[in-house]
Amino acid sequence: MKILKIIAAIGVAALLGWLIYANREHLAKDEVIAYGRGLPAGWFIVLFAILPLLGFPISIFLILAGLRFGLVWGMTVSAACIYFHHLAAYRICHGRLRERIAGFVKKRGHKLPSVKGSNGVWFTLMFSAVHGPPYTFKIYLLALTNVPFRIYAGVGGTTYILFGLIPVGAAAVATKMDVTYLYVAIAVVSATALAFNHFRSRRKEIGQTD
């Protein structure tokens, strides 16, 4: 199975490389920016709100949001869509689907993950901030836990929004040619990372003290 996955990954990479090379004349910066600016705002927002729930990479939408709307409105649209993703995923995972998944897992001798109330914020922050699994997988998996919605959306959603500053800001810089946007995005994300590391260190100290 691992060999097949490796072969598939190489095949996908080779295909993407060929597509980029074959269309290199159409990938000029000005053409990409013009394409982003020409996207219909209404349809873009609708697709941004729906497709990531179905597995489409959110990073593409973040970049396009920066191209289409700039930093301020791009982040506003991104934040609204990300919070909508969390609301929708939470409702889906706490409806009939949750009962089916719980039954499926129980038949195999397992149970849905449970997070202690006092660890909800820390667990959600860690789970959302660590890169690896796709965005769609992470928001559904976290929604299946017993983390309250206010923490799930307030901490998890906000974490994704803060990390979204980099792609949105970078795209906005490309259109505005104003590096201030990029500096602001880097400063905010850097401050968030420092706060996250400080919080993690404090948690370790408290755990060792206990």
N, C-alpha and C. Protein backbone atom coordinates (compact mmCIF):
# COMPACT_ATOMS: atom_id res chain seq x y z
N MET A 1 0.83 -1.21 0.00
CA MET A 1 0.00 0.00 0.00
C MET A 1 0.87 1.26 0.00
N LYS A 2 1.96 1.25 0.78
CA LYS A 2 2.83 2.42 0.83
C LYS A 2 3.45 2.68 -0.53
N ILE A 3 3.83 1.60 -1.21
CA ILE A 3 4.44 1.75 -2.53
C ILE A 3 3.45 2.37 -3.50
N LEU A 4 2.19 1.93 -3.43
CA LEU A 4 1.16 2.49 -4.31
C LEU A 4 0.93 3.97 -4.03
N LYS A 5 0.96 4.36 -2.74
CA LYS A 5 0.78 5.76 -2.38
C LYS A 5 1.93 6.61 -2.90
N ILE A 6 3.15 6.05 -2.79
CA ILE A 6 4.32 6.78 -3.29
C ILE A 6 4.23 6.97 -4.80
N ILE A 7 3.85 5.88 -5.50
CA ILE A 7 3.71 5.96 -6.96
C ILE A 7 2.64 6.97 -7.35
N ALA A 8 1.52 6.94 -6.61
CA ALA A 8 0.43 7.89 -6.90
C ALA A 8 0.88 9.33 -6.66
N ALA A 9 1.62 9.56 -5.57
CA ALA A 9 2.11 10.91 -5.27
C ALA A 9 3.07 11.41 -6.34
N ILE A 10 3.96 10.51 -6.79
CA ILE A 10 4.90 10.89 -7.84
C ILE A 10 4.15 11.19 -9.14
N GLY A 11 3.13 10.38 -9.43
CA GLY A 11 2.34 10.60 -10.64
C GLY A 11 1.62 11.93 -10.61
N VAL A 12 1.03 12.27 -9.47
CA VAL A 12 0.32 13.54 -9.33
C VAL A 12 1.29 14.71 -9.46
N ALA A 13 2.46 14.59 -8.81
CA ALA A 13 3.46 15.65 -8.89
C ALA A 13 3.94 15.85 -10.33
N ALA A 14 4.16 14.72 -11.02
CA ALA A 14 4.61 14.80 -12.41
C ALA A 14 3.54 15.45 -13.29
N LEU A 15 2.28 15.11 -13.05
CA LEU A 15 1.19 15.69 -13.84
C LEU A 15 1.08 17.19 -13.60
N LEU A 16 1.18 17.60 -12.35
CA LEU A 16 1.11 19.02 -12.03
C LEU A 16 2.29 19.78 -12.65
N GLY A 17 3.46 19.14 -12.57
CA GLY A 17 4.64 19.76 -13.17
C GLY A 17 4.48 19.95 -14.66
N TRP A 18 3.92 18.94 -15.31
CA TRP A 18 3.71 19.03 -16.76
C TRP A 18 2.69 20.10 -17.11
N LEU A 19 1.60 20.18 -16.30
CA LEU A 19 0.57 21.18 -16.56
C LEU A 19 1.12 22.59 -16.39
N ILE A 20 1.94 22.79 -15.35
CA ILE A 20 2.54 24.11 -15.14
C ILE A 20 3.47 24.46 -16.29
N TYR A 21 4.28 23.49 -16.73
CA TYR A 21 5.21 23.74 -17.83
C TYR A 21 4.46 24.02 -19.14
N ALA A 22 3.40 23.24 -19.38
CA ALA A 22 2.65 23.39 -20.63
C ALA A 22 1.91 24.72 -20.68
N ASN A 23 1.56 25.25 -19.51
CA ASN A 23 0.80 26.50 -19.46
C ASN A 23 1.63 27.66 -18.91
N ARG A 24 2.96 27.53 -19.00
CA ARG A 24 3.83 28.54 -18.42
C ARG A 24 3.61 29.93 -19.01
N GLU A 25 3.20 29.99 -20.28
CA GLU A 25 3.00 31.29 -20.93
C GLU A 25 1.76 32.00 -20.40
N HIS A 26 0.86 31.22 -19.77
CA HIS A 26 -0.39 31.80 -19.27
C HIS A 26 -0.35 32.02 -17.75
N LEU A 27 0.82 31.79 -17.16
CA LEU A 27 0.93 31.92 -15.72
C LEU A 27 1.70 33.16 -15.30
N ALA A 28 1.75 34.14 -16.17
CA ALA A 28 2.43 35.39 -15.85
C ALA A 28 1.71 36.06 -14.68
N LYS A 29 2.48 36.80 -13.90
CA LYS A 29 1.94 37.43 -12.70
C LYS A 29 0.74 38.32 -13.01
N ASP A 30 0.85 39.15 -14.01
CA ASP A 30 -0.24 40.08 -14.34
C ASP A 30 -1.51 39.33 -14.73
N GLU A 31 -1.35 38.21 -15.45
CA GLU A 31 -2.52 37.44 -15.86
C GLU A 31 -3.19 36.77 -14.67
N VAL A 32 -2.38 36.27 -13.74
CA VAL A 32 -2.94 35.64 -12.54
C VAL A 32 -3.69 36.67 -11.70
N ILE A 33 -3.09 37.86 -11.55
CA ILE A 33 -3.75 38.92 -10.77
C ILE A 33 -5.04 39.35 -11.45
N ALA A 34 -4.99 39.49 -12.76
CA ALA A 34 -6.19 39.88 -13.50
C ALA A 34 -7.29 38.84 -13.35
N TYR A 35 -6.90 37.58 -13.35
CA TYR A 35 -7.88 36.50 -13.17
C TYR A 35 -8.51 36.59 -11.79
N GLY A 36 -7.67 36.79 -10.77
CA GLY A 36 -8.18 36.87 -9.41
C GLY A 36 -9.12 38.05 -9.23
N ARG A 37 -8.75 39.19 -9.77
CA ARG A 37 -9.59 40.38 -9.64
C ARG A 37 -10.90 40.26 -10.42
N GLY A 38 -10.89 39.44 -11.46
CA GLY A 38 -12.07 39.30 -12.30
C GLY A 38 -13.07 38.27 -11.81
N LEU A 39 -12.77 37.59 -10.71
CA LEU A 39 -13.70 36.58 -10.19
C LEU A 39 -14.99 37.24 -9.70
N PRO A 40 -16.15 36.69 -10.05
CA PRO A 40 -17.42 37.22 -9.54
C PRO A 40 -17.47 37.09 -8.02
N ALA A 41 -17.62 38.19 -7.32
CA ALA A 41 -17.55 38.19 -5.86
C ALA A 41 -18.58 37.25 -5.22
N GLY A 42 -19.82 37.32 -5.69
CA GLY A 42 -20.88 36.50 -5.10
C GLY A 42 -20.62 35.02 -5.23
N TRP A 43 -20.31 34.58 -6.45
CA TRP A 43 -20.05 33.17 -6.69
C TRP A 43 -18.81 32.69 -5.94
N PHE A 44 -17.81 33.54 -5.86
CA PHE A 44 -16.58 33.17 -5.15
C PHE A 44 -16.87 32.90 -3.68
N ILE A 45 -17.65 33.79 -3.06
CA ILE A 45 -17.98 33.62 -1.64
C ILE A 45 -18.79 32.36 -1.41
N VAL A 46 -19.74 32.08 -2.31
CA VAL A 46 -20.56 30.87 -2.19
C VAL A 46 -19.68 29.62 -2.28
N LEU A 47 -18.79 29.60 -3.26
CA LEU A 47 -17.90 28.45 -3.43
C LEU A 47 -16.93 28.32 -2.27
N PHE A 48 -16.45 29.45 -1.75
CA PHE A 48 -15.55 29.45 -0.60
C PHE A 48 -16.25 28.86 0.62
N ALA A 49 -17.54 29.14 0.75
CA ALA A 49 -18.30 28.65 1.89
C ALA A 49 -18.63 27.16 1.79
N ILE A 50 -18.70 26.63 0.58
CA ILE A 50 -19.17 25.25 0.40
C ILE A 50 -18.05 24.25 0.11
N LEU A 51 -17.19 24.56 -0.85
CA LEU A 51 -16.22 23.57 -1.33
C LEU A 51 -15.23 23.07 -0.28
N PRO A 52 -14.70 23.90 0.61
CA PRO A 52 -13.81 23.37 1.63
C PRO A 52 -14.48 22.35 2.55
N LEU A 53 -15.79 22.43 2.71
CA LEU A 53 -16.52 21.43 3.48
C LEU A 53 -16.55 20.07 2.78
N LEU A 54 -16.29 20.09 1.46
CA LEU A 54 -16.31 18.87 0.67
C LEU A 54 -14.91 18.37 0.35
N GLY A 55 -13.90 19.01 0.92
CA GLY A 55 -12.54 18.53 0.74
C GLY A 55 -11.66 19.38 -0.14
N PHE A 56 -12.18 20.47 -0.72
CA PHE A 56 -11.36 21.30 -1.59
C PHE A 56 -10.37 22.10 -0.74
N PRO A 57 -9.10 22.22 -1.17
CA PRO A 57 -8.08 22.92 -0.36
C PRO A 57 -8.46 24.36 -0.08
N ILE A 58 -8.44 24.74 1.19
CA ILE A 58 -8.81 26.10 1.57
C ILE A 58 -7.73 27.10 1.19
N SER A 59 -6.48 26.64 1.07
CA SER A 59 -5.38 27.56 0.76
C SER A 59 -5.60 28.28 -0.56
N ILE A 60 -6.18 27.59 -1.53
CA ILE A 60 -6.44 28.21 -2.83
C ILE A 60 -7.43 29.35 -2.68
N PHE A 61 -8.46 29.15 -1.86
CA PHE A 61 -9.45 30.21 -1.65
C PHE A 61 -8.85 31.39 -0.90
N LEU A 62 -7.95 31.13 0.03
CA LEU A 62 -7.32 32.21 0.77
C LEU A 62 -6.49 33.10 -0.15
N ILE A 63 -5.75 32.47 -1.05
CA ILE A 63 -4.95 33.22 -2.01
C ILE A 63 -5.86 34.03 -2.94
N LEU A 64 -6.90 33.38 -3.45
CA LEU A 64 -7.82 34.08 -4.35
C LEU A 64 -8.56 35.21 -3.64
N ALA A 65 -8.83 35.02 -2.35
CA ALA A 65 -9.50 36.08 -1.58
C ALA A 65 -8.61 37.32 -1.50
N GLY A 66 -7.31 37.08 -1.32
CA GLY A 66 -6.38 38.21 -1.29
C GLY A 66 -6.28 38.90 -2.63
N LEU A 67 -6.29 38.11 -3.71
CA LEU A 67 -6.23 38.68 -5.05
C LEU A 67 -7.50 39.47 -5.39
N ARG A 68 -8.64 38.90 -5.01
CA ARG A 68 -9.92 39.50 -5.40
C ARG A 68 -10.30 40.69 -4.54
N PHE A 69 -10.06 40.61 -3.21
CA PHE A 69 -10.58 41.63 -2.31
C PHE A 69 -9.51 42.46 -1.60
N GLY A 70 -8.24 42.05 -1.69
CA GLY A 70 -7.21 42.74 -0.92
C GLY A 70 -7.15 42.20 0.50
N LEU A 71 -6.33 42.81 1.35
CA LEU A 71 -6.11 42.27 2.68
C LEU A 71 -7.32 42.38 3.59
N VAL A 72 -7.86 43.59 3.75
CA VAL A 72 -8.93 43.81 4.73
C VAL A 72 -10.19 43.03 4.37
N TRP A 73 -10.69 43.25 3.16
CA TRP A 73 -11.92 42.55 2.77
C TRP A 73 -11.65 41.07 2.49
N GLY A 74 -10.43 40.75 2.06
CA GLY A 74 -10.09 39.34 1.85
C GLY A 74 -10.12 38.57 3.16
N MET A 75 -9.59 39.19 4.23
CA MET A 75 -9.62 38.55 5.54
C MET A 75 -11.04 38.52 6.10
N THR A 76 -11.83 39.56 5.81
CA THR A 76 -13.22 39.58 6.26
C THR A 76 -14.01 38.43 5.65
N VAL A 77 -13.86 38.25 4.34
CA VAL A 77 -14.54 37.15 3.64
C VAL A 77 -14.03 35.81 4.15
N SER A 78 -12.71 35.68 4.30
CA SER A 78 -12.12 34.43 4.76
C SER A 78 -12.60 34.07 6.16
N ALA A 79 -12.64 35.07 7.05
CA ALA A 79 -13.09 34.83 8.42
C ALA A 79 -14.54 34.37 8.44
N ALA A 80 -15.39 35.04 7.67
CA ALA A 80 -16.80 34.67 7.62
C ALA A 80 -16.98 33.24 7.12
N CYS A 81 -16.24 32.87 6.07
CA CYS A 81 -16.37 31.53 5.51
C CYS A 81 -15.82 30.47 6.45
N ILE A 82 -14.71 30.77 7.12
CA ILE A 82 -14.13 29.80 8.06
C ILE A 82 -15.06 29.57 9.23
N TYR A 83 -15.66 30.62 9.77
CA TYR A 83 -16.62 30.44 10.85
C TYR A 83 -17.85 29.67 10.36
N PHE A 84 -18.25 29.92 9.11
CA PHE A 84 -19.36 29.16 8.54
C PHE A 84 -19.01 27.69 8.42
N HIS A 85 -17.77 27.39 8.00
CA HIS A 85 -17.32 25.99 7.91
C HIS A 85 -17.44 25.30 9.27
N HIS A 86 -17.04 26.01 10.32
CA HIS A 86 -17.09 25.41 11.65
C HIS A 86 -18.54 25.21 12.12
N LEU A 87 -19.39 26.18 11.82
CA LEU A 87 -20.80 26.03 12.19
C LEU A 87 -21.42 24.84 11.46
N ALA A 88 -21.19 24.74 10.15
CA ALA A 88 -21.76 23.66 9.35
C ALA A 88 -21.20 22.30 9.77
N ALA A 89 -19.88 22.22 9.94
CA ALA A 89 -19.26 20.94 10.32
C ALA A 89 -19.75 20.48 11.69
N TYR A 90 -19.91 21.43 12.61
CA TYR A 90 -20.36 21.07 13.96
C TYR A 90 -21.79 20.55 13.93
N ARG A 91 -22.64 21.22 13.17
CA ARG A 91 -24.04 20.79 13.08
C ARG A 91 -24.15 19.42 12.39
N ILE A 92 -23.34 19.22 11.36
CA ILE A 92 -23.35 17.93 10.65
C ILE A 92 -22.91 16.81 11.59
N CYS A 93 -21.85 17.06 12.34
CA CYS A 93 -21.27 16.02 13.20
C CYS A 93 -22.03 15.82 14.50
N HIS A 94 -22.98 16.68 14.80
CA HIS A 94 -23.78 16.50 16.00
C HIS A 94 -25.25 16.21 15.67
N GLY A 95 -25.48 15.78 14.47
CA GLY A 95 -26.81 15.35 14.05
C GLY A 95 -26.86 13.84 13.95
N ARG A 96 -27.63 13.35 13.01
CA ARG A 96 -27.76 11.91 12.82
C ARG A 96 -26.45 11.26 12.39
N LEU A 97 -25.63 12.03 11.71
CA LEU A 97 -24.35 11.49 11.26
C LEU A 97 -23.50 11.07 12.44
N ARG A 98 -23.56 11.82 13.54
CA ARG A 98 -22.77 11.49 14.71
C ARG A 98 -23.20 10.14 15.29
N GLU A 99 -24.49 9.91 15.32
CA GLU A 99 -25.00 8.64 15.85
C GLU A 99 -24.53 7.47 14.99
N ARG A 100 -24.53 7.66 13.69
CA ARG A 100 -24.08 6.59 12.79
C ARG A 100 -22.59 6.32 12.97
N ILE A 101 -21.82 7.40 13.07
CA ILE A 101 -20.37 7.23 13.25
C ILE A 101 -20.08 6.58 14.59
N ALA A 102 -20.79 7.03 15.65
CA ALA A 102 -20.59 6.45 16.98
C ALA A 102 -20.93 4.96 16.98
N GLY A 103 -22.02 4.60 16.30
CA GLY A 103 -22.39 3.20 16.21
C GLY A 103 -21.38 2.39 15.44
N PHE A 104 -20.88 2.96 14.35
CA PHE A 104 -19.87 2.28 13.53
C PHE A 104 -18.59 2.04 14.33
N VAL A 105 -18.18 3.07 15.09
CA VAL A 105 -16.95 2.95 15.89
C VAL A 105 -17.15 1.98 17.04
N LYS A 106 -18.34 2.02 17.66
CA LYS A 106 -18.62 1.15 18.80
C LYS A 106 -18.61 -0.32 18.42
N LYS A 107 -19.11 -0.63 17.22
CA LYS A 107 -19.12 -2.02 16.76
C LYS A 107 -17.71 -2.59 16.64
N ARG A 108 -16.75 -1.70 16.46
CA ARG A 108 -15.35 -2.13 16.32
C ARG A 108 -14.58 -2.00 17.62
N GLY A 109 -15.31 -1.84 18.71
CA GLY A 109 -14.68 -1.82 20.02
C GLY A 109 -14.02 -0.52 20.41
N HIS A 110 -14.41 0.58 19.76
CA HIS A 110 -13.82 1.87 20.07
C HIS A 110 -14.92 2.86 20.43
N LYS A 111 -14.51 4.08 20.72
CA LYS A 111 -15.47 5.15 20.97
C LYS A 111 -14.92 6.47 20.46
N LEU A 112 -15.83 7.41 20.26
CA LEU A 112 -15.40 8.71 19.76
C LEU A 112 -14.47 9.39 20.76
N PRO A 113 -13.48 10.16 20.27
CA PRO A 113 -12.53 10.81 21.19
C PRO A 113 -13.24 11.76 22.14
N SER A 114 -12.78 11.76 23.39
CA SER A 114 -13.36 12.63 24.41
C SER A 114 -12.27 13.51 24.99
N VAL A 115 -12.58 14.79 25.14
CA VAL A 115 -11.63 15.76 25.67
C VAL A 115 -12.17 16.28 26.99
N LYS A 116 -11.33 16.26 28.02
CA LYS A 116 -11.76 16.78 29.32
C LYS A 116 -12.03 18.27 29.23
N GLY A 117 -13.03 18.72 29.98
CA GLY A 117 -13.44 20.11 29.90
C GLY A 117 -12.31 21.10 30.09
N SER A 118 -11.41 20.83 31.05
CA SER A 118 -10.33 21.76 31.35
C SER A 118 -9.28 21.80 30.25
N ASN A 119 -9.25 20.78 29.40
CA ASN A 119 -8.25 20.72 28.32
C ASN A 119 -8.82 21.10 26.96
N GLY A 120 -10.08 21.53 26.92
CA GLY A 120 -10.72 21.80 25.64
C GLY A 120 -10.03 22.90 24.84
N VAL A 121 -9.71 24.01 25.49
CA VAL A 121 -9.08 25.13 24.79
C VAL A 121 -7.70 24.73 24.30
N TRP A 122 -6.91 24.12 25.19
CA TRP A 122 -5.55 23.72 24.83
C TRP A 122 -5.55 22.69 23.69
N PHE A 123 -6.41 21.70 23.80
CA PHE A 123 -6.48 20.65 22.77
C PHE A 123 -6.89 21.24 21.42
N THR A 124 -7.90 22.11 21.43
CA THR A 124 -8.38 22.72 20.18
C THR A 124 -7.31 23.59 19.56
N LEU A 125 -6.61 24.37 20.38
CA LEU A 125 -5.53 25.23 19.87
C LEU A 125 -4.42 24.40 19.25
N MET A 126 -4.01 23.35 19.93
CA MET A 126 -2.95 22.47 19.43
C MET A 126 -3.37 21.79 18.13
N PHE A 127 -4.58 21.24 18.14
CA PHE A 127 -5.06 20.49 16.99
C PHE A 127 -5.21 21.38 15.76
N SER A 128 -5.65 22.61 15.95
CA SER A 128 -5.85 23.53 14.83
C SER A 128 -4.54 24.11 14.32
N ALA A 129 -3.59 24.34 15.23
CA ALA A 129 -2.35 25.02 14.85
C ALA A 129 -1.34 24.09 14.18
N VAL A 130 -1.37 22.81 14.54
CA VAL A 130 -0.39 21.87 13.99
C VAL A 130 -0.75 21.53 12.55
N HIS A 131 0.20 21.72 11.65
CA HIS A 131 -0.02 21.42 10.24
C HIS A 131 0.13 19.92 9.98
N GLY A 132 -0.53 19.45 8.98
CA GLY A 132 -0.44 18.03 8.63
C GLY A 132 -1.69 17.57 7.91
N PRO A 133 -2.70 17.11 8.68
CA PRO A 133 -3.94 16.66 8.03
C PRO A 133 -4.64 17.81 7.30
N PRO A 134 -5.40 17.51 6.25
CA PRO A 134 -6.12 18.56 5.52
C PRO A 134 -7.12 19.29 6.41
N TYR A 135 -7.39 20.52 6.05
CA TYR A 135 -8.31 21.38 6.80
C TYR A 135 -9.68 20.72 6.98
N THR A 136 -10.21 20.16 5.92
CA THR A 136 -11.55 19.55 5.98
C THR A 136 -11.58 18.41 6.97
N PHE A 137 -10.58 17.55 6.92
CA PHE A 137 -10.51 16.41 7.83
C PHE A 137 -10.43 16.88 9.28
N LYS A 138 -9.65 17.92 9.53
CA LYS A 138 -9.44 18.39 10.89
C LYS A 138 -10.70 19.00 11.50
N ILE A 139 -11.44 19.80 10.72
CA ILE A 139 -12.62 20.44 11.31
C ILE A 139 -13.72 19.41 11.60
N TYR A 140 -13.84 18.39 10.76
CA TYR A 140 -14.84 17.34 11.02
C TYR A 140 -14.42 16.47 12.19
N LEU A 141 -13.13 16.10 12.25
CA LEU A 141 -12.67 15.24 13.34
C LEU A 141 -12.80 15.94 14.68
N LEU A 142 -12.44 17.22 14.72
CA LEU A 142 -12.56 17.95 15.98
C LEU A 142 -14.02 18.14 16.37
N ALA A 143 -14.89 18.29 15.38
CA ALA A 143 -16.32 18.44 15.67
C ALA A 143 -16.92 17.18 16.28
N LEU A 144 -16.31 16.04 16.01
CA LEU A 144 -16.81 14.78 16.54
C LEU A 144 -16.47 14.57 18.01
N THR A 145 -15.58 15.38 18.55
CA THR A 145 -15.25 15.30 19.97
C THR A 145 -16.33 15.99 20.79
N ASN A 146 -16.14 16.02 22.09
CA ASN A 146 -17.11 16.68 22.97
C ASN A 146 -16.73 18.12 23.30
N VAL A 147 -15.84 18.70 22.49
CA VAL A 147 -15.46 20.10 22.70
C VAL A 147 -16.67 21.00 22.44
N PRO A 148 -17.00 21.92 23.35
CA PRO A 148 -18.15 22.81 23.15
C PRO A 148 -17.97 23.68 21.90
N PHE A 149 -19.09 24.09 21.31
CA PHE A 149 -19.03 24.86 20.07
C PHE A 149 -18.30 26.19 20.26
N ARG A 150 -18.47 26.83 21.40
CA ARG A 150 -17.82 28.13 21.62
C ARG A 150 -16.30 28.00 21.56
N ILE A 151 -15.78 26.87 22.02
CA ILE A 151 -14.33 26.62 21.94
C ILE A 151 -13.95 26.14 20.55
N TYR A 152 -14.78 25.25 20.02
CA TYR A 152 -14.52 24.69 18.68
C TYR A 152 -14.40 25.78 17.63
N ALA A 153 -15.35 26.72 17.63
CA ALA A 153 -15.33 27.81 16.64
C ALA A 153 -14.49 28.98 17.10
N GLY A 154 -14.62 29.35 18.39
CA GLY A 154 -13.91 30.52 18.89
C GLY A 154 -12.40 30.35 18.89
N VAL A 155 -11.92 29.18 19.29
CA VAL A 155 -10.48 28.93 19.34
C VAL A 155 -9.99 28.34 18.02
N GLY A 156 -10.67 27.27 17.56
CA GLY A 156 -10.25 26.62 16.33
C GLY A 156 -10.39 27.51 15.11
N GLY A 157 -11.57 28.10 14.95
CA GLY A 157 -11.81 28.95 13.80
C GLY A 157 -10.88 30.16 13.78
N THR A 158 -10.70 30.78 14.94
CA THR A 158 -9.83 31.96 15.02
C THR A 158 -8.39 31.60 14.69
N THR A 159 -7.94 30.42 15.11
CA THR A 159 -6.58 29.97 14.80
C THR A 159 -6.38 29.84 13.30
N TYR A 160 -7.33 29.24 12.61
CA TYR A 160 -7.24 29.11 11.15
C TYR A 160 -7.24 30.49 10.48
N ILE A 161 -8.02 31.40 11.01
CA ILE A 161 -8.09 32.75 10.44
C ILE A 161 -6.74 33.46 10.58
N LEU A 162 -6.12 33.35 11.74
CA LEU A 162 -4.83 34.00 11.96
C LEU A 162 -3.76 33.44 11.02
N PHE A 163 -3.76 32.13 10.84
CA PHE A 163 -2.78 31.54 9.92
C PHE A 163 -3.11 31.88 8.47
N GLY A 164 -4.37 32.23 8.20
CA GLY A 164 -4.76 32.61 6.85
C GLY A 164 -4.26 33.99 6.45
N LEU A 165 -3.74 34.75 7.42
CA LEU A 165 -3.21 36.08 7.12
C LEU A 165 -2.05 36.03 6.13
N ILE A 166 -1.25 34.97 6.20
CA ILE A 166 -0.08 34.89 5.32
C ILE A 166 -0.48 34.74 3.85
N PRO A 167 -1.28 33.72 3.47
CA PRO A 167 -1.65 33.62 2.05
C PRO A 167 -2.49 34.79 1.56
N VAL A 168 -3.43 35.27 2.39
CA VAL A 168 -4.25 36.41 1.97
C VAL A 168 -3.38 37.66 1.84
N GLY A 169 -2.51 37.88 2.83
CA GLY A 169 -1.65 39.05 2.80
C GLY A 169 -0.66 39.01 1.64
N ALA A 170 -0.10 37.82 1.37
CA ALA A 170 0.85 37.70 0.27
C ALA A 170 0.18 38.00 -1.07
N ALA A 171 -1.05 37.50 -1.24
CA ALA A 171 -1.78 37.77 -2.47
C ALA A 171 -2.14 39.24 -2.59
N ALA A 172 -2.48 39.86 -1.46
CA ALA A 172 -2.80 41.29 -1.47
C ALA A 172 -1.58 42.12 -1.85
N VAL A 173 -0.41 41.69 -1.38
CA VAL A 173 0.83 42.39 -1.72
C VAL A 173 1.06 42.34 -3.23
N ALA A 174 0.76 41.19 -3.82
CA ALA A 174 0.98 41.04 -5.26
C ALA A 174 0.10 42.00 -6.06
N THR A 175 -1.08 42.30 -5.55
CA THR A 175 -1.98 43.19 -6.28
C THR A 175 -1.73 44.66 -5.96
N LYS A 176 -1.45 44.93 -4.71
CA LYS A 176 -1.27 46.33 -4.28
C LYS A 176 0.18 46.78 -4.38
N MET A 177 1.09 45.81 -4.40
CA MET A 177 2.53 46.10 -4.38
C MET A 177 2.87 46.96 -3.16
N ASP A 178 2.21 46.68 -2.05
CA ASP A 178 2.45 47.41 -0.81
C ASP A 178 2.92 46.40 0.23
N VAL A 179 4.20 46.42 0.55
CA VAL A 179 4.75 45.42 1.46
C VAL A 179 4.23 45.59 2.88
N THR A 180 3.57 46.70 3.17
CA THR A 180 3.01 46.90 4.51
C THR A 180 2.06 45.77 4.86
N TYR A 181 1.25 45.35 3.89
CA TYR A 181 0.30 44.27 4.13
C TYR A 181 1.03 43.00 4.57
N LEU A 182 2.12 42.68 3.88
CA LEU A 182 2.85 41.47 4.20
C LEU A 182 3.49 41.58 5.58
N TYR A 183 4.02 42.77 5.91
CA TYR A 183 4.64 42.97 7.22
C TYR A 183 3.61 42.80 8.33
N VAL A 184 2.42 43.34 8.11
CA VAL A 184 1.36 43.20 9.11
C VAL A 184 0.99 41.74 9.31
N ALA A 185 0.84 41.00 8.21
CA ALA A 185 0.48 39.58 8.29
C ALA A 185 1.56 38.80 9.02
N ILE A 186 2.82 39.05 8.68
CA ILE A 186 3.93 38.33 9.31
C ILE A 186 3.99 38.67 10.81
N ALA A 187 3.78 39.96 11.14
CA ALA A 187 3.84 40.38 12.54
C ALA A 187 2.75 39.70 13.37
N VAL A 188 1.53 39.65 12.82
CA VAL A 188 0.42 39.04 13.55
C VAL A 188 0.64 37.54 13.74
N VAL A 189 1.05 36.86 12.68
CA VAL A 189 1.28 35.42 12.78
C VAL A 189 2.45 35.12 13.71
N SER A 190 3.50 35.94 13.65
CA SER A 190 4.66 35.75 14.53
C SER A 190 4.26 35.94 16.00
N ALA A 191 3.45 36.97 16.26
CA ALA A 191 2.99 37.21 17.62
C ALA A 191 2.13 36.06 18.11
N THR A 192 1.30 35.53 17.21
CA THR A 192 0.46 34.39 17.57
C THR A 192 1.31 33.17 17.90
N ALA A 193 2.35 32.93 17.09
CA ALA A 193 3.23 31.79 17.32
C ALA A 193 3.97 31.93 18.65
N LEU A 194 4.43 33.15 18.97
CA LEU A 194 5.11 33.38 20.24
C LEU A 194 4.17 33.15 21.42
N ALA A 195 2.96 33.66 21.29
CA ALA A 195 1.97 33.47 22.36
C ALA A 195 1.65 31.99 22.53
N PHE A 196 1.56 31.28 21.40
CA PHE A 196 1.26 29.85 21.44
C PHE A 196 2.38 29.09 22.15
N ASN A 197 3.65 29.42 21.84
CA ASN A 197 4.78 28.76 22.48
C ASN A 197 4.84 29.07 23.96
N HIS A 198 4.53 30.34 24.32
CA HIS A 198 4.52 30.73 25.73
C HIS A 198 3.43 29.96 26.48
N PHE A 199 2.26 29.86 25.86
CA PHE A 199 1.16 29.14 26.48
C PHE A 199 1.51 27.67 26.68
N ARG A 200 2.17 27.08 25.68
CA ARG A 200 2.57 25.67 25.78
C ARG A 200 3.60 25.47 26.89
N SER A 201 4.55 26.41 27.01
CA SER A 201 5.57 26.32 28.06
C SER A 201 4.93 26.42 29.44
N ARG A 202 3.97 27.32 29.57
CA ARG A 202 3.27 27.47 30.84
C ARG A 202 2.50 26.22 31.21
N ARG A 203 1.90 25.59 30.20
CA ARG A 203 1.16 24.36 30.45
C ARG A 203 2.09 23.26 30.95
N LYS A 204 3.27 23.17 30.37
CA LYS A 204 4.25 22.16 30.79
C LYS A 204 4.70 22.41 32.22
N GLU A 205 4.94 23.71 32.55
CA GLU A 205 5.38 24.06 33.91
C GLU A 205 4.30 23.72 34.92
N ILE A 206 3.05 24.02 34.58
CA ILE A 206 1.95 23.71 35.48
C ILE A 206 1.81 22.22 35.66
N GLY A 207 1.97 21.45 34.55
CA GLY A 207 1.87 20.00 34.61
C GLY A 207 2.96 19.40 35.46
N GLN A 208 4.17 19.94 35.37
CA GLN A 208 5.27 19.43 36.18
C GLN A 208 5.09 19.78 37.64
N THR A 209 4.51 20.97 37.90
CA THR A 209 4.26 21.38 39.27
C THR A 209 3.24 20.50 39.94
N ASP A 210 2.18 20.17 39.14
CA ASP A 210 1.12 19.29 39.69
C ASP A 210 1.65 17.89 39.96
